[in-house]
Amino acid sequence: MGDFPEPFDVTAVMEKYPVSYKESMNTVLTQELQRFNGLIKIIRSSLKDLKLAMVGKIVMNASLEAASKSLFNGKVPDLWMSKSYPSLKPLGSYVADLKARLAFFQKWIDVGYPTVFWISGFFFTQSFLTGVLQNFARKYTIPID
């Protein structure tokens, strides 16, 4: 957990990238960060609880035991997948992919609007496509339908 990112500060991001009629991607960014925060929180809390359960400080419940078995077998725990984007990757590849996705969004926050987007890196790709369509339609005053 030491090098696993903390949840995004969505409030600070919303101040830097406020909701705007002319920039739908600010809303897309905020929604993506909220989805990733849910996943980050469940990963961090389950790993913390698993560590405590292993040393006997808390009771090992069924979901922690299942997560422990999954981690031992190199699989992504169902507990994580319940808050995750779809993925069939084994644990190591999943974590590397997740960290790359989080880095993409952190760069967007730090540097600004990307010139190139990693479409499959989005939690909900449809919201990205809708945001791009809205920006285009508003810029050229054409109907979205």
N, C-alpha and C. Protein backbone atom coordinates (compact mmCIF):
# COMPACT_ATOMS: atom_id res chain seq x y z
N MET A 1 0.82 -1.18 0.00
CA MET A 1 0.00 0.00 0.00
C MET A 1 0.86 1.25 0.00
N GLY A 2 2.12 1.09 0.36
CA GLY A 2 2.99 2.25 0.49
C GLY A 2 3.07 3.12 -0.76
N ASP A 3 3.13 2.50 -1.93
CA ASP A 3 3.24 3.30 -3.15
C ASP A 3 1.93 3.40 -3.91
N PHE A 4 0.85 2.92 -3.30
CA PHE A 4 -0.45 2.99 -3.97
C PHE A 4 -1.03 4.38 -3.74
N PRO A 5 -1.49 5.04 -4.80
CA PRO A 5 -1.96 6.43 -4.69
C PRO A 5 -3.13 6.63 -3.72
N GLU A 6 -3.16 7.80 -3.15
CA GLU A 6 -4.28 8.23 -2.32
C GLU A 6 -5.42 8.62 -3.27
N PRO A 7 -6.66 8.67 -2.74
CA PRO A 7 -7.77 9.13 -3.58
C PRO A 7 -7.53 10.56 -4.07
N PHE A 8 -8.12 10.88 -5.20
CA PHE A 8 -8.01 12.23 -5.77
C PHE A 8 -8.80 13.22 -4.92
N ASP A 9 -8.32 14.45 -4.86
CA ASP A 9 -9.04 15.53 -4.19
C ASP A 9 -9.99 16.15 -5.21
N VAL A 10 -11.19 15.60 -5.28
CA VAL A 10 -12.16 16.00 -6.30
C VAL A 10 -12.57 17.46 -6.13
N THR A 11 -12.67 17.92 -4.90
CA THR A 11 -13.05 19.32 -4.66
C THR A 11 -12.03 20.27 -5.26
N ALA A 12 -10.75 19.99 -5.06
CA ALA A 12 -9.70 20.84 -5.63
C ALA A 12 -9.71 20.78 -7.15
N VAL A 13 -9.97 19.61 -7.69
CA VAL A 13 -10.03 19.46 -9.15
C VAL A 13 -11.21 20.25 -9.71
N MET A 14 -12.34 20.23 -9.00
CA MET A 14 -13.51 20.98 -9.47
C MET A 14 -13.26 22.49 -9.44
N GLU A 15 -12.42 22.94 -8.53
CA GLU A 15 -12.06 24.36 -8.50
C GLU A 15 -11.16 24.71 -9.68
N LYS A 16 -10.24 23.79 -9.99
CA LYS A 16 -9.31 24.02 -11.09
C LYS A 16 -9.99 23.84 -12.45
N TYR A 17 -10.90 22.89 -12.53
CA TYR A 17 -11.63 22.58 -13.76
C TYR A 17 -13.13 22.65 -13.48
N PRO A 18 -13.69 23.85 -13.36
CA PRO A 18 -15.11 23.99 -12.99
C PRO A 18 -16.05 23.53 -14.10
N VAL A 19 -17.26 23.16 -13.68
CA VAL A 19 -18.30 22.80 -14.64
C VAL A 19 -18.53 24.00 -15.55
N SER A 20 -18.50 23.73 -16.85
CA SER A 20 -18.62 24.81 -17.83
C SER A 20 -19.39 24.32 -19.04
N TYR A 21 -20.28 25.16 -19.53
CA TYR A 21 -21.08 24.81 -20.71
C TYR A 21 -20.17 24.54 -21.92
N LYS A 22 -19.09 25.30 -22.05
CA LYS A 22 -18.21 25.17 -23.21
C LYS A 22 -17.15 24.09 -23.05
N GLU A 23 -17.03 23.50 -21.86
CA GLU A 23 -16.01 22.46 -21.65
C GLU A 23 -16.59 21.28 -20.87
N SER A 24 -17.21 20.38 -21.62
CA SER A 24 -17.83 19.20 -21.03
C SER A 24 -16.81 18.24 -20.42
N MET A 25 -15.58 18.33 -20.87
CA MET A 25 -14.56 17.40 -20.38
C MET A 25 -14.24 17.63 -18.91
N ASN A 26 -14.52 18.82 -18.39
CA ASN A 26 -14.32 19.05 -16.95
C ASN A 26 -15.26 18.15 -16.14
N THR A 27 -16.48 18.01 -16.61
CA THR A 27 -17.44 17.13 -15.94
C THR A 27 -17.01 15.67 -16.08
N VAL A 28 -16.54 15.30 -17.26
CA VAL A 28 -16.06 13.93 -17.48
C VAL A 28 -14.91 13.63 -16.52
N LEU A 29 -13.96 14.55 -16.40
CA LEU A 29 -12.82 14.36 -15.50
C LEU A 29 -13.30 14.15 -14.07
N THR A 30 -14.18 14.99 -13.60
CA THR A 30 -14.69 14.88 -12.23
C THR A 30 -15.39 13.55 -11.99
N GLN A 31 -16.22 13.15 -12.94
CA GLN A 31 -16.94 11.87 -12.79
C GLN A 31 -15.98 10.68 -12.79
N GLU A 32 -14.97 10.73 -13.64
CA GLU A 32 -13.99 9.65 -13.67
C GLU A 32 -13.23 9.57 -12.34
N LEU A 33 -12.83 10.71 -11.82
CA LEU A 33 -12.10 10.73 -10.55
C LEU A 33 -12.95 10.17 -9.42
N GLN A 34 -14.23 10.47 -9.42
CA GLN A 34 -15.12 9.94 -8.39
C GLN A 34 -15.22 8.42 -8.49
N ARG A 35 -15.29 7.91 -9.70
CA ARG A 35 -15.34 6.45 -9.88
C ARG A 35 -14.04 5.80 -9.42
N PHE A 36 -12.91 6.39 -9.82
CA PHE A 36 -11.63 5.83 -9.41
C PHE A 36 -11.43 5.95 -7.90
N ASN A 37 -11.93 7.01 -7.30
CA ASN A 37 -11.83 7.15 -5.84
C ASN A 37 -12.53 6.01 -5.11
N GLY A 38 -13.69 5.60 -5.62
CA GLY A 38 -14.40 4.47 -5.02
C GLY A 38 -13.56 3.21 -5.06
N LEU A 39 -12.89 2.99 -6.18
CA LEU A 39 -12.04 1.81 -6.33
C LEU A 39 -10.81 1.92 -5.43
N ILE A 40 -10.17 3.07 -5.42
CA ILE A 40 -8.98 3.27 -4.58
C ILE A 40 -9.33 3.04 -3.12
N LYS A 41 -10.45 3.57 -2.68
CA LYS A 41 -10.85 3.43 -1.27
C LYS A 41 -11.09 1.98 -0.89
N ILE A 42 -11.75 1.22 -1.76
CA ILE A 42 -12.02 -0.18 -1.43
C ILE A 42 -10.72 -0.99 -1.42
N ILE A 43 -9.81 -0.69 -2.32
CA ILE A 43 -8.52 -1.40 -2.33
C ILE A 43 -7.73 -1.08 -1.07
N ARG A 44 -7.61 0.20 -0.76
CA ARG A 44 -6.83 0.61 0.42
C ARG A 44 -7.43 0.05 1.72
N SER A 45 -8.75 0.15 1.85
CA SER A 45 -9.37 -0.31 3.10
C SER A 45 -9.29 -1.83 3.23
N SER A 46 -9.48 -2.55 2.13
CA SER A 46 -9.42 -4.01 2.22
C SER A 46 -8.00 -4.49 2.53
N LEU A 47 -7.00 -3.84 1.96
CA LEU A 47 -5.61 -4.22 2.27
C LEU A 47 -5.26 -3.89 3.72
N LYS A 48 -5.74 -2.75 4.20
CA LYS A 48 -5.50 -2.37 5.59
C LYS A 48 -6.17 -3.37 6.53
N ASP A 49 -7.44 -3.68 6.24
CA ASP A 49 -8.17 -4.63 7.08
C ASP A 49 -7.56 -6.03 7.01
N LEU A 50 -7.10 -6.42 5.86
CA LEU A 50 -6.48 -7.73 5.70
C LEU A 50 -5.20 -7.81 6.53
N LYS A 51 -4.44 -6.75 6.52
CA LYS A 51 -3.21 -6.69 7.32
C LYS A 51 -3.54 -6.80 8.81
N LEU A 52 -4.56 -6.09 9.26
CA LEU A 52 -4.98 -6.15 10.67
C LEU A 52 -5.51 -7.54 11.03
N ALA A 53 -6.24 -8.15 10.12
CA ALA A 53 -6.79 -9.49 10.37
C ALA A 53 -5.68 -10.53 10.46
N MET A 54 -4.64 -10.36 9.67
CA MET A 54 -3.53 -11.32 9.66
C MET A 54 -2.78 -11.33 11.01
N VAL A 55 -2.75 -10.18 11.67
CA VAL A 55 -2.06 -10.11 12.97
C VAL A 55 -3.03 -10.25 14.14
N GLY A 56 -4.30 -10.50 13.84
CA GLY A 56 -5.28 -10.78 14.87
C GLY A 56 -5.90 -9.57 15.53
N LYS A 57 -5.77 -8.40 14.93
CA LYS A 57 -6.34 -7.19 15.54
C LYS A 57 -7.82 -7.02 15.19
N ILE A 58 -8.25 -7.61 14.09
CA ILE A 58 -9.67 -7.63 13.75
C ILE A 58 -10.03 -9.04 13.27
N VAL A 59 -11.31 -9.31 13.23
CA VAL A 59 -11.79 -10.63 12.82
C VAL A 59 -11.72 -10.76 11.30
N MET A 60 -11.23 -11.90 10.85
CA MET A 60 -11.18 -12.20 9.41
C MET A 60 -12.57 -12.63 8.98
N ASN A 61 -13.29 -11.75 8.28
CA ASN A 61 -14.64 -12.10 7.82
C ASN A 61 -14.56 -12.79 6.46
N ALA A 62 -15.71 -13.20 5.96
CA ALA A 62 -15.75 -13.98 4.71
C ALA A 62 -15.21 -13.19 3.52
N SER A 63 -15.53 -11.90 3.42
CA SER A 63 -15.06 -11.13 2.27
C SER A 63 -13.55 -10.91 2.33
N LEU A 64 -13.01 -10.72 3.55
CA LEU A 64 -11.55 -10.58 3.68
C LEU A 64 -10.84 -11.90 3.37
N GLU A 65 -11.44 -13.00 3.81
CA GLU A 65 -10.84 -14.30 3.53
C GLU A 65 -10.84 -14.58 2.02
N ALA A 66 -11.93 -14.25 1.35
CA ALA A 66 -12.01 -14.43 -0.10
C ALA A 66 -10.98 -13.54 -0.80
N ALA A 67 -10.85 -12.29 -0.33
CA ALA A 67 -9.86 -11.38 -0.91
C ALA A 67 -8.45 -11.92 -0.69
N SER A 68 -8.19 -12.44 0.48
CA SER A 68 -6.88 -13.02 0.80
C SER A 68 -6.55 -14.18 -0.15
N LYS A 69 -7.51 -15.06 -0.35
CA LYS A 69 -7.29 -16.20 -1.25
C LYS A 69 -7.03 -15.72 -2.68
N SER A 70 -7.80 -14.73 -3.12
CA SER A 70 -7.60 -14.20 -4.47
C SER A 70 -6.20 -13.60 -4.63
N LEU A 71 -5.80 -12.79 -3.65
CA LEU A 71 -4.47 -12.17 -3.71
C LEU A 71 -3.38 -13.24 -3.71
N PHE A 72 -3.53 -14.25 -2.87
CA PHE A 72 -2.55 -15.34 -2.80
C PHE A 72 -2.44 -16.06 -4.15
N ASN A 73 -3.57 -16.18 -4.84
CA ASN A 73 -3.60 -16.87 -6.13
C ASN A 73 -3.32 -15.95 -7.32
N GLY A 74 -2.99 -14.69 -7.05
CA GLY A 74 -2.66 -13.75 -8.12
C GLY A 74 -3.86 -13.27 -8.91
N LYS A 75 -5.01 -13.28 -8.26
CA LYS A 75 -6.24 -12.83 -8.92
C LYS A 75 -6.74 -11.55 -8.26
N VAL A 76 -7.49 -10.77 -9.01
CA VAL A 76 -8.09 -9.56 -8.48
C VAL A 76 -9.29 -9.98 -7.62
N PRO A 77 -9.33 -9.56 -6.36
CA PRO A 77 -10.46 -9.94 -5.50
C PRO A 77 -11.80 -9.43 -6.02
N ASP A 78 -12.83 -10.23 -5.82
CA ASP A 78 -14.19 -9.83 -6.23
C ASP A 78 -14.60 -8.53 -5.53
N LEU A 79 -14.13 -8.34 -4.32
CA LEU A 79 -14.42 -7.13 -3.57
C LEU A 79 -13.97 -5.90 -4.35
N TRP A 80 -12.81 -5.98 -4.99
CA TRP A 80 -12.29 -4.87 -5.80
C TRP A 80 -13.08 -4.76 -7.10
N MET A 81 -13.35 -5.89 -7.71
CA MET A 81 -14.04 -5.88 -9.00
C MET A 81 -15.45 -5.31 -8.88
N SER A 82 -16.02 -5.37 -7.70
CA SER A 82 -17.36 -4.81 -7.52
C SER A 82 -17.36 -3.29 -7.69
N LYS A 83 -16.21 -2.65 -7.56
CA LYS A 83 -16.08 -1.20 -7.73
C LYS A 83 -15.20 -0.84 -8.92
N SER A 84 -14.81 -1.84 -9.70
CA SER A 84 -13.82 -1.64 -10.75
C SER A 84 -14.42 -1.51 -12.15
N TYR A 85 -13.58 -1.02 -13.04
CA TYR A 85 -13.87 -1.08 -14.47
C TYR A 85 -13.70 -2.53 -14.89
N PRO A 86 -14.30 -2.95 -15.99
CA PRO A 86 -14.16 -4.34 -16.43
C PRO A 86 -12.70 -4.68 -16.76
N SER A 87 -12.26 -5.83 -16.28
CA SER A 87 -10.90 -6.28 -16.56
C SER A 87 -10.81 -7.78 -16.33
N LEU A 88 -10.06 -8.43 -17.21
CA LEU A 88 -9.82 -9.87 -17.07
C LEU A 88 -8.36 -10.14 -16.72
N LYS A 89 -7.61 -9.09 -16.40
CA LYS A 89 -6.19 -9.22 -16.14
C LYS A 89 -5.93 -9.90 -14.80
N PRO A 90 -4.80 -10.61 -14.70
CA PRO A 90 -4.40 -11.15 -13.39
C PRO A 90 -3.96 -9.99 -12.49
N LEU A 91 -3.79 -10.26 -11.23
CA LEU A 91 -3.53 -9.24 -10.22
C LEU A 91 -2.39 -8.29 -10.57
N GLY A 92 -1.22 -8.81 -10.91
CA GLY A 92 -0.07 -7.96 -11.20
C GLY A 92 -0.32 -7.00 -12.36
N SER A 93 -0.88 -7.52 -13.43
CA SER A 93 -1.18 -6.69 -14.60
C SER A 93 -2.29 -5.69 -14.30
N TYR A 94 -3.26 -6.12 -13.50
CA TYR A 94 -4.36 -5.24 -13.12
C TYR A 94 -3.84 -4.03 -12.34
N VAL A 95 -2.99 -4.29 -11.36
CA VAL A 95 -2.46 -3.20 -10.54
C VAL A 95 -1.62 -2.26 -11.39
N ALA A 96 -0.78 -2.80 -12.28
CA ALA A 96 0.03 -1.96 -13.16
C ALA A 96 -0.87 -1.11 -14.06
N ASP A 97 -1.92 -1.72 -14.60
CA ASP A 97 -2.86 -1.00 -15.45
C ASP A 97 -3.59 0.09 -14.66
N LEU A 98 -4.02 -0.24 -13.46
CA LEU A 98 -4.72 0.74 -12.62
C LEU A 98 -3.81 1.93 -12.33
N LYS A 99 -2.57 1.66 -11.98
CA LYS A 99 -1.63 2.75 -11.68
C LYS A 99 -1.40 3.62 -12.92
N ALA A 100 -1.35 3.02 -14.10
CA ALA A 100 -1.18 3.79 -15.34
C ALA A 100 -2.41 4.67 -15.59
N ARG A 101 -3.58 4.14 -15.33
CA ARG A 101 -4.82 4.93 -15.48
C ARG A 101 -4.82 6.12 -14.52
N LEU A 102 -4.45 5.85 -13.28
CA LEU A 102 -4.42 6.92 -12.27
C LEU A 102 -3.37 7.97 -12.64
N ALA A 103 -2.24 7.53 -13.19
CA ALA A 103 -1.19 8.48 -13.61
C ALA A 103 -1.70 9.35 -14.77
N PHE A 104 -2.46 8.76 -15.69
CA PHE A 104 -3.03 9.52 -16.80
C PHE A 104 -3.90 10.66 -16.27
N PHE A 105 -4.77 10.33 -15.32
CA PHE A 105 -5.66 11.36 -14.78
C PHE A 105 -4.91 12.37 -13.92
N GLN A 106 -3.89 11.92 -13.20
CA GLN A 106 -3.09 12.86 -12.41
C GLN A 106 -2.36 13.84 -13.32
N LYS A 107 -1.87 13.36 -14.45
CA LYS A 107 -1.20 14.25 -15.40
C LYS A 107 -2.20 15.26 -15.97
N TRP A 108 -3.41 14.81 -16.25
CA TRP A 108 -4.46 15.71 -16.73
C TRP A 108 -4.71 16.81 -15.69
N ILE A 109 -4.78 16.43 -14.43
CA ILE A 109 -4.99 17.40 -13.35
C ILE A 109 -3.82 18.39 -13.27
N ASP A 110 -2.61 17.87 -13.30
CA ASP A 110 -1.41 18.69 -13.09
C ASP A 110 -1.03 19.55 -14.28
N VAL A 111 -1.12 18.97 -15.49
CA VAL A 111 -0.62 19.63 -16.69
C VAL A 111 -1.71 20.33 -17.49
N GLY A 112 -2.90 19.77 -17.45
CA GLY A 112 -4.00 20.34 -18.21
C GLY A 112 -4.57 19.35 -19.21
N TYR A 113 -5.52 19.83 -19.95
CA TYR A 113 -6.27 19.06 -20.94
C TYR A 113 -5.31 18.31 -21.87
N PRO A 114 -5.40 16.98 -21.92
CA PRO A 114 -4.49 16.20 -22.77
C PRO A 114 -4.70 16.47 -24.27
N THR A 115 -3.64 16.36 -25.04
CA THR A 115 -3.78 16.46 -26.49
C THR A 115 -4.16 15.11 -27.08
N VAL A 116 -3.83 14.05 -26.36
CA VAL A 116 -4.18 12.69 -26.78
C VAL A 116 -4.83 12.00 -25.58
N PHE A 117 -5.93 11.31 -25.82
CA PHE A 117 -6.64 10.62 -24.74
C PHE A 117 -6.47 9.12 -24.86
N TRP A 118 -6.34 8.46 -23.72
CA TRP A 118 -6.29 7.01 -23.62
C TRP A 118 -7.73 6.55 -23.41
N ILE A 119 -8.43 6.32 -24.50
CA ILE A 119 -9.87 6.06 -24.43
C ILE A 119 -10.18 4.84 -23.57
N SER A 120 -9.44 3.76 -23.73
CA SER A 120 -9.74 2.57 -22.94
C SER A 120 -9.31 2.73 -21.48
N GLY A 121 -8.62 3.82 -21.15
CA GLY A 121 -8.22 4.08 -19.78
C GLY A 121 -9.32 4.70 -18.94
N PHE A 122 -10.41 5.07 -19.59
CA PHE A 122 -11.53 5.66 -18.86
C PHE A 122 -12.35 4.57 -18.18
N PHE A 123 -12.89 4.90 -17.06
CA PHE A 123 -13.77 4.00 -16.33
C PHE A 123 -15.05 3.78 -17.14
N PHE A 124 -15.62 4.88 -17.63
CA PHE A 124 -16.87 4.87 -18.38
C PHE A 124 -16.62 5.60 -19.70
N THR A 125 -16.21 4.87 -20.71
CA THR A 125 -15.81 5.43 -21.99
C THR A 125 -16.94 6.25 -22.64
N GLN A 126 -18.17 5.83 -22.44
CA GLN A 126 -19.30 6.52 -23.06
C GLN A 126 -19.39 7.98 -22.61
N SER A 127 -19.04 8.26 -21.35
CA SER A 127 -19.11 9.65 -20.89
C SER A 127 -18.06 10.50 -21.60
N PHE A 128 -16.89 9.92 -21.88
CA PHE A 128 -15.87 10.64 -22.62
C PHE A 128 -16.37 10.97 -24.03
N LEU A 129 -16.92 9.98 -24.70
CA LEU A 129 -17.40 10.17 -26.07
C LEU A 129 -18.53 11.20 -26.11
N THR A 130 -19.41 11.18 -25.12
CA THR A 130 -20.49 12.16 -25.04
C THR A 130 -19.93 13.56 -24.81
N GLY A 131 -18.92 13.67 -23.93
CA GLY A 131 -18.29 14.96 -23.67
C GLY A 131 -17.64 15.56 -24.90
N VAL A 132 -16.95 14.73 -25.66
CA VAL A 132 -16.32 15.20 -26.91
C VAL A 132 -17.39 15.66 -27.90
N LEU A 133 -18.45 14.88 -28.02
CA LEU A 133 -19.55 15.22 -28.92
C LEU A 133 -20.21 16.54 -28.50
N GLN A 134 -20.42 16.72 -27.21
CA GLN A 134 -21.03 17.96 -26.72
C GLN A 134 -20.13 19.16 -27.01
N ASN A 135 -18.83 19.02 -26.75
CA ASN A 135 -17.90 20.13 -27.02
C ASN A 135 -17.92 20.52 -28.49
N PHE A 136 -17.90 19.53 -29.36
CA PHE A 136 -17.91 19.80 -30.80
C PHE A 136 -19.21 20.48 -31.21
N ALA A 137 -20.33 19.93 -30.74
CA ALA A 137 -21.64 20.48 -31.10
C ALA A 137 -21.80 21.91 -30.61
N ARG A 138 -21.32 22.18 -29.42
CA ARG A 138 -21.45 23.54 -28.88
C ARG A 138 -20.52 24.52 -29.58
N LYS A 139 -19.34 24.05 -29.93
CA LYS A 139 -18.38 24.94 -30.61
C LYS A 139 -18.90 25.35 -31.97
N TYR A 140 -19.50 24.43 -32.69
CA TYR A 140 -19.97 24.71 -34.05
C TYR A 140 -21.48 24.92 -34.13
N THR A 141 -22.11 25.07 -32.98
CA THR A 141 -23.56 25.29 -32.88
C THR A 141 -24.38 24.40 -33.81
N ILE A 142 -24.16 23.11 -33.64
CA ILE A 142 -24.94 22.13 -34.39
C ILE A 142 -25.66 21.22 -33.38
N PRO A 143 -26.80 20.69 -33.76
CA PRO A 143 -27.52 19.82 -32.81
C PRO A 143 -26.79 18.49 -32.61
N ILE A 144 -26.85 17.99 -31.43
CA ILE A 144 -26.19 16.72 -31.10
C ILE A 144 -26.93 15.54 -31.70
N ASP A 145 -28.25 15.66 -31.83
CA ASP A 145 -29.04 14.54 -32.35
C ASP A 145 -28.65 14.30 -33.77
